[in-house]
C-alpha atoms as a PDB file:
ATOM      1  CA  MET A   1       1.373  17.438  -1.235  1.00  0.00           C
ATOM      2  CA  ASN A   2       4.919  17.624  -0.601  1.00  0.00           C
ATOM      3  CA  ILE A   3       7.152  15.578   1.853  1.00  0.00           C
ATOM      4  CA  ARG A   4       9.439  17.516   3.745  1.00  0.00           C
ATOM      5  CA  THR A   5      10.219  14.861   6.220  1.00  0.00           C
ATOM      6  CA  ALA A   6      10.129  11.789   6.898  1.00  0.00           C
ATOM      7  CA  ILE A   7      10.912   8.813   8.798  1.00  0.00           C
ATOM      8  CA  PHE A   8      11.168   5.667   9.857  1.00  0.00           C
ATOM      9  CA  MET A   9       9.142   5.079  13.997  1.00  0.00           C
ATOM     10  CA  LYS A  10       8.955   1.287  14.549  1.00  0.00           C
ATOM     11  CA  GLY A  11       8.525  -1.765  13.203  1.00  0.00           C
ATOM     12  CA  VAL A  12       5.606  -3.824  15.286  1.00  0.00           C
ATOM     13  CA  GLN A  13       3.914  -7.116  14.869  1.00  0.00           C
ATOM     14  CA  GLY A  14       0.693  -6.223  16.862  1.00  0.00           C
ATOM     15  CA  ALA A  15      -1.163  -3.910  19.059  1.00  0.00           C
ATOM     16  CA  ASP A  16       1.421  -0.287  20.013  1.00  0.00           C
ATOM     17  CA  VAL A  17       0.546   2.981  21.305  1.00  0.00           C
ATOM     18  CA  ILE A  18       1.999   4.614  18.424  1.00  0.00           C
ATOM     19  CA  PHE A  19      -1.568   4.038  17.017  1.00  0.00           C
ATOM     20  CA  GLU A  20      -3.588   5.439  19.882  1.00  0.00           C
ATOM     21  CA  ASP A  21      -1.474   8.834  19.370  1.00  0.00           C
ATOM     22  CA  GLY A  22      -4.179  10.483  17.551  1.00  0.00           C
ATOM     23  CA  THR A  23      -2.021  10.716  14.828  1.00  0.00           C
ATOM     24  CA  PRO A  24      -3.393  10.269  11.279  1.00  0.00           C
ATOM     25  CA  GLN A  25      -2.801   6.943   9.637  1.00  0.00           C
ATOM     26  CA  ILE A  26      -1.974   6.531   5.821  1.00  0.00           C
ATOM     27  CA  VAL A  27      -2.114   2.733   5.262  1.00  0.00           C
ATOM     28  CA  PHE A  28      -0.492   0.790   1.819  1.00  0.00           C
ATOM     29  CA  VAL A  29      -1.717  -2.447   1.650  1.00  0.00           C
ATOM     30  CA  GLY A  30      -1.309  -4.984  -1.092  1.00  0.00           C
ATOM     31  CA  ARG A  31       0.320  -8.557  -3.120  1.00  0.00           C
ATOM     32  CA  SER A  32       3.911  -8.823  -1.983  1.00  0.00           C
ATOM     33  CA  ASN A  33       6.396  -7.191  -4.802  1.00  0.00           C
ATOM     34  CA  VAL A  34       3.897  -4.842  -5.729  1.00  0.00           C
ATOM     35  CA  GLY A  35       5.888  -2.436  -4.680  1.00  0.00           C
ATOM     36  CA  LYS A  36       4.332  -0.876  -1.549  1.00  0.00           C
ATOM     37  CA  SER A  37       7.826   0.192   0.103  1.00  0.00           C
ATOM     38  CA  SER A  38       9.250   1.911  -3.039  1.00  0.00           C
ATOM     39  CA  LEU A  39       6.719   3.947  -3.204  1.00  0.00           C
ATOM     40  CA  ILE A  40       7.054   4.951   0.640  1.00  0.00           C
ATOM     41  CA  ASN A  41      10.104   5.315  -0.479  1.00  0.00           C
ATOM     42  CA  SER A  42       9.518   7.360  -3.972  1.00  0.00           C
ATOM     43  CA  LEU A  43       7.332   9.667  -2.160  1.00  0.00           C
ATOM     44  CA  ALA A  44       9.063  10.901   0.290  1.00  0.00           C
ATOM     45  CA  HIS A  45      12.682  11.052  -1.752  1.00  0.00           C
ATOM     46  CA  GLN A  46      14.231   8.592   0.220  1.00  0.00           C
ATOM     47  CA  LYS A  47      15.517   5.033  -2.071  1.00  0.00           C
ATOM     48  CA  ASP A  48      16.486   3.054   1.660  1.00  0.00           C
ATOM     49  CA  LEU A  49      14.127   4.736   3.891  1.00  0.00           C
ATOM     50  CA  ALA A  50      10.853   1.095   3.948  1.00  0.00           C
ATOM     51  CA  ARG A  51      12.958  -1.343   3.446  1.00  0.00           C
ATOM     52  CA  THR A  52      12.734  -3.078  -0.247  1.00  0.00           C
ATOM     53  CA  SER A  53      13.628  -6.841  -1.458  1.00  0.00           C
ATOM     54  CA  SER A  54      12.977  -8.143  -5.068  1.00  0.00           C
ATOM     55  CA  PHE A  55      12.134 -11.322  -2.322  1.00  0.00           C
ATOM     56  CA  PRO A  56       7.978 -10.974  -2.131  1.00  0.00           C
ATOM     57  CA  GLY A  57       7.513 -11.254   1.897  1.00  0.00           C
ATOM     58  CA  ARG A  58       9.946  -9.042   2.773  1.00  0.00           C
ATOM     59  CA  THR A  59       8.019  -7.230   4.755  1.00  0.00           C
ATOM     60  CA  GLN A  60       7.621  -9.081   8.512  1.00  0.00           C
ATOM     61  CA  GLN A  61       6.011  -6.498  10.343  1.00  0.00           C
ATOM     62  CA  ILE A  62       4.155  -3.695  10.145  1.00  0.00           C
ATOM     63  CA  ASN A  63       6.029  -0.316   8.992  1.00  0.00           C
ATOM     64  CA  ILE A  64       5.083   2.841  10.282  1.00  0.00           C
ATOM     65  CA  PHE A  65       6.951   6.039   8.689  1.00  0.00           C
ATOM     66  CA  LEU A  66       5.817   9.630  10.952  1.00  0.00           C
ATOM     67  CA  ILE A  67       5.874  12.321   7.674  1.00  0.00           C
ATOM     68  CA  ASN A  68       6.133  16.511   7.795  1.00  0.00           C
ATOM     69  CA  LYS A  69       5.891  15.595  11.450  1.00  0.00           C
ATOM     70  CA  SER A  70       1.687  15.138  11.035  1.00  0.00           C
ATOM     71  CA  PHE A  71       0.965  11.434   9.811  1.00  0.00           C
ATOM     72  CA  TYR A  72       2.743   7.994   9.732  1.00  0.00           C
ATOM     73  CA  LEU A  73       2.129   5.761   6.655  1.00  0.00           C
ATOM     74  CA  VAL A  74       1.699   2.725   7.952  1.00  0.00           C
ATOM     75  CA  ASP A  75       3.595  -0.395   5.218  1.00  0.00           C
ATOM     76  CA  LEU A  76       1.966  -3.203   5.941  1.00  0.00           C
ATOM     77  CA  PRO A  77       3.188  -7.066   4.626  1.00  0.00           C
ATOM     78  CA  GLY A  78       1.953  -7.744   1.494  1.00  0.00           C
ATOM     79  CA  TYR A  79      -0.720 -10.608   0.913  1.00  0.00           C
ATOM     80  CA  GLY A  80      -0.846 -13.665  -0.733  1.00  0.00           C
ATOM     81  CA  PHE A  81       2.840 -15.706  -1.640  1.00  0.00           C
ATOM     82  CA  ALA A  82       5.452 -14.875   0.123  1.00  0.00           C
ATOM     83  CA  ASP A  83       8.692 -16.723   0.354  1.00  0.00           C
ATOM     84  CA  VAL A  84       8.360 -16.895   3.857  1.00  0.00           C
ATOM     85  CA  PRO A  85       7.556 -20.259   6.039  1.00  0.00           C
ATOM     86  CA  GLY A  86       4.112 -21.371   6.275  1.00  0.00           C
ATOM     87  CA  VAL A  87       3.234 -20.457   9.746  1.00  0.00           C
ATOM     88  CA  LEU A  88       5.240 -17.547   9.396  1.00  0.00           C
ATOM     89  CA  TRP A  89       3.336 -16.465   6.062  1.00  0.00           C
ATOM     90  CA  GLN A  90       0.225 -17.511   7.925  1.00  0.00           C
ATOM     91  CA  ASN A  91       0.863 -15.063  11.125  1.00  0.00           C
ATOM     92  CA  ILE A  92       2.110 -11.839   8.448  1.00  0.00           C
ATOM     93  CA  GLN A  93      -2.160 -12.878   6.738  1.00  0.00           C
ATOM     94  CA  GLN A  94      -3.145 -12.950  10.140  1.00  0.00           C
ATOM     95  CA  MET A  95      -1.460  -9.483  11.740  1.00  0.00           C
ATOM     96  CA  ILE A  96      -2.360  -7.728   9.171  1.00  0.00           C
ATOM     97  CA  ASP A  97      -6.489  -9.066   8.871  1.00  0.00           C
ATOM     98  CA  TRP A  98      -6.034  -8.255  13.062  1.00  0.00           C
ATOM     99  CA  TYR A  99      -4.776  -4.664  11.887  1.00  0.00           C
ATOM    100  CA  LEU A 100      -7.298  -3.601   9.003  1.00  0.00           C
ATOM    101  CA  PHE A 101     -10.405  -5.463  10.037  1.00  0.00           C
ATOM    102  CA  GLU A 102     -10.233  -5.942  13.869  1.00  0.00           C
ATOM    103  CA  SER A 103      -8.342  -3.675  15.351  1.00  0.00           C
ATOM    104  CA  ASN A 104     -10.685  -0.297  15.208  1.00  0.00           C
ATOM    105  CA  TYR A 105      -7.580   1.519  14.147  1.00  0.00           C
ATOM    106  CA  ASP A 106      -8.510   4.997  12.453  1.00  0.00           C
ATOM    107  CA  PHE A 107      -7.648   5.491   9.252  1.00  0.00           C
ATOM    108  CA  LYS A 108      -7.332   8.482   7.771  1.00  0.00           C
ATOM    109  CA  LYS A 109      -6.607   6.441   3.861  1.00  0.00           C
ATOM    110  CA  VAL A 110      -6.335   3.153   2.502  1.00  0.00           C
ATOM    111  CA  LEU A 111      -3.858   2.651  -0.631  1.00  0.00           C
ATOM    112  CA  LEU A 112      -4.524  -0.545  -1.937  1.00  0.00           C
ATOM    113  CA  ILE A 113      -1.589  -1.193  -4.359  1.00  0.00           C
ATOM    114  CA  ILE A 114      -2.116  -3.967  -7.753  1.00  0.00           C
ATOM    115  CA  ASP A 115       0.163  -4.599  -9.812  1.00  0.00           C
ATOM    116  CA  ALA A 116      -0.823  -3.086 -12.966  1.00  0.00           C
ATOM    117  CA  LYS A 117       0.451  -4.849 -15.548  1.00  0.00           C
ATOM    118  CA  VAL A 118      -1.512  -8.130 -13.795  1.00  0.00           C
ATOM    119  CA  GLY A 119      -3.891  -6.434 -12.957  1.00  0.00           C
ATOM    120  CA  PRO A 120      -6.974  -6.943  -9.981  1.00  0.00           C
ATOM    121  CA  THR A 121      -6.496 -10.163  -8.884  1.00  0.00           C
ATOM    122  CA  GLU A 122      -8.806 -12.542  -6.906  1.00  0.00           C
ATOM    123  CA  ASN A 123      -6.576 -11.238  -3.629  1.00  0.00           C
ATOM    124  CA  ASP A 124      -6.866  -7.540  -4.435  1.00  0.00           C
ATOM    125  CA  MET A 125     -10.269  -7.734  -5.332  1.00  0.00           C
ATOM    126  CA  ASP A 126     -11.251  -9.706  -1.553  1.00  0.00           C
ATOM    127  CA  MET A 127      -8.919  -6.838   0.009  1.00  0.00           C
ATOM    128  CA  PHE A 128     -11.265  -3.795  -1.900  1.00  0.00           C
ATOM    129  CA  TYR A 129     -14.916  -5.342  -1.303  1.00  0.00           C
ATOM    130  CA  ASN A 130     -13.640  -6.197   3.026  1.00  0.00           C
ATOM    131  CA  LEU A 131     -11.939  -2.737   3.231  1.00  0.00           C
ATOM    132  CA  GLN A 132     -15.472  -1.607   1.301  1.00  0.00           C
ATOM    133  CA  ALA A 133     -17.585  -3.732   3.821  1.00  0.00           C
ATOM    134  CA  GLN A 134     -15.735  -1.673   6.467  1.00  0.00           C
ATOM    135  CA  ASP A 135     -16.513   2.430   4.843  1.00  0.00           C
ATOM    136  CA  ARG A 136     -12.089   3.114   4.429  1.00  0.00           C
ATOM    137  CA  ASP A 137     -11.484   6.031   2.542  1.00  0.00           C
ATOM    138  CA  ILE A 138      -9.662   3.044  -0.833  1.00  0.00           C
ATOM    139  CA  ILE A 139      -7.766   4.754  -3.208  1.00  0.00           C
ATOM    140  CA  ILE A 140      -6.569   2.301  -5.817  1.00  0.00           C
ATOM    141  CA  VAL A 141      -2.681   2.784  -7.217  1.00  0.00           C
ATOM    142  CA  ALA A 142      -1.563   0.184 -10.398  1.00  0.00           C
ATOM    143  CA  ASN A 143       1.698   0.076 -10.504  1.00  0.00           C
ATOM    144  CA  LYS A 144       4.135  -1.197 -12.284  1.00  0.00           C
ATOM    145  CA  THR A 145       2.492   0.396 -15.020  1.00  0.00           C
ATOM    146  CA  ASP A 146       6.429   0.627 -16.550  1.00  0.00           C
ATOM    147  CA  LYS A 147       5.913  -3.181 -17.629  1.00  0.00           C
ATOM    148  CA  ILE A 148       2.085  -2.828 -19.659  1.00  0.00           C
ATOM    149  CA  LYS A 149       3.032  -2.719 -24.144  1.00  0.00           C
ATOM    150  CA  LYS A 150       1.932   0.671 -25.415  1.00  0.00           C
ATOM    151  CA  SER A 151      -0.849  -1.185 -27.334  1.00  0.00           C
ATOM    152  CA  GLU A 152      -2.352  -2.421 -24.285  1.00  0.00           C
ATOM    153  CA  TYR A 153      -2.074   0.663 -21.881  1.00  0.00           C
ATOM    154  CA  GLU A 154      -5.548   2.329 -22.012  1.00  0.00           C
ATOM    155  CA  LYS A 155      -6.736  -1.086 -22.308  1.00  0.00           C
ATOM    156  CA  GLN A 156      -5.750  -2.171 -19.086  1.00  0.00           C
ATOM    157  CA  ILE A 157      -5.970   1.165 -17.040  1.00  0.00           C
ATOM    158  CA  GLN A 158     -10.033   0.893 -18.159  1.00  0.00           C
ATOM    159  CA  LYS A 159     -10.409  -2.746 -17.017  1.00  0.00           C
ATOM    160  CA  ILE A 160      -8.797  -1.841 -13.529  1.00  0.00           C
ATOM    161  CA  GLN A 161     -11.310   1.569 -13.532  1.00  0.00           C
ATOM    162  CA  LYS A 162     -14.086  -0.691 -14.297  1.00  0.00           C
ATOM    163  CA  ALA A 163     -12.890  -4.004 -11.630  1.00  0.00           C
ATOM    164  CA  PHE A 164     -12.866  -1.491  -8.711  1.00  0.00           C
ATOM    165  CA  GLU A 165     -16.262   0.128  -9.134  1.00  0.00           C
ATOM    166  CA  GLY A 166     -15.765   3.483 -10.035  1.00  0.00           C
ATOM    167  CA  ARG A 167     -12.955   4.069  -7.187  1.00  0.00           C
ATOM    168  CA  ARG A 168     -10.505   6.339  -8.105  1.00  0.00           C
ATOM    169  CA  VAL A 169      -7.502   4.876  -9.766  1.00  0.00           C
ATOM    170  CA  ILE A 170      -3.728   6.851  -9.837  1.00  0.00           C
ATOM    171  CA  PRO A 171      -1.509   4.878 -12.516  1.00  0.00           C
ATOM    172  CA  CYS A 172       2.136   4.341 -11.230  1.00  0.00           C
ATOM    173  CA  SER A 173       5.201   3.816 -12.194  1.00  0.00           C
ATOM    174  CA  ILE A 174       8.423   4.008  -9.735  1.00  0.00           C
ATOM    175  CA  LEU A 175      10.878   3.074 -12.247  1.00  0.00           C
ATOM    176  CA  LYS A 176       9.236   6.374 -14.470  1.00  0.00           C
ATOM    177  CA  LYS A 177       8.931   8.404 -11.779  1.00  0.00           C
ATOM    178  CA  THR A 178       5.368   8.304 -13.224  1.00  0.00           C
ATOM    179  CA  GLY A 179       1.755   8.885 -11.115  1.00  0.00           C
ATOM    180  CA  VAL A 180       3.698   9.320  -8.134  1.00  0.00           C
ATOM    181  CA  SER A 181       3.128  13.239  -7.481  1.00  0.00           C
ATOM    182  CA  ASP A 182      -0.542  12.231  -7.968  1.00  0.00           C
ATOM    183  CA  VAL A 183      -0.644   9.888  -4.982  1.00  0.00           C
ATOM    184  CA  SER A 184       1.385  12.320  -3.286  1.00  0.00           C
ATOM    185  CA  GLY A 185      -2.111  14.545  -3.988  1.00  0.00           C
ATOM    186  CA  VAL A 186      -3.951  12.081  -2.837  1.00  0.00           C
ATOM    187  CA  LEU A 187      -2.655  11.329   0.483  1.00  0.00           C
ATOM    188  CA  LEU A 188      -4.425  13.767   3.495  1.00  0.00           C
ATOM    189  CA  GLN A 189      -7.149  15.512   0.546  1.00  0.00           C
END
């Protein structure tokens, strides 16, 4: 799939009519600082479409991007650790859970983005199992593969694939631009 246009529509912190306008939604979810926003920028070929930061917790709302005037990419805040005050962190986690598990919005796909070097964490696996229980179409993106030593790469990717029980795992590196076209290819399969 080739992304020709990408427009930031809005950031929301709860229910919004944009989620109910019939436009397919593809959700990006993962721990803080795994590169969700960077992946969106790379897919859209725009450096600053989605705001990125080196500190965990930069994304604090649900950011919605209209792609090719035909579907939304939905960038969720990261779960797990964030460099924000406790009350704000709790509100963010509740917003993620509400959107994914309580809102009844219809998602075309959910891209669960993990840190390839770290591998799936307990939080990643909890998210995976919760999404799986809701029968979501889940694609695993193992981002930051450039941080894995070459001698450990195959073993680490196999470990990730095994953890996610045969789901498709796309190894990806925004820095090296590897796997981005594979992610692009699955967006509306």
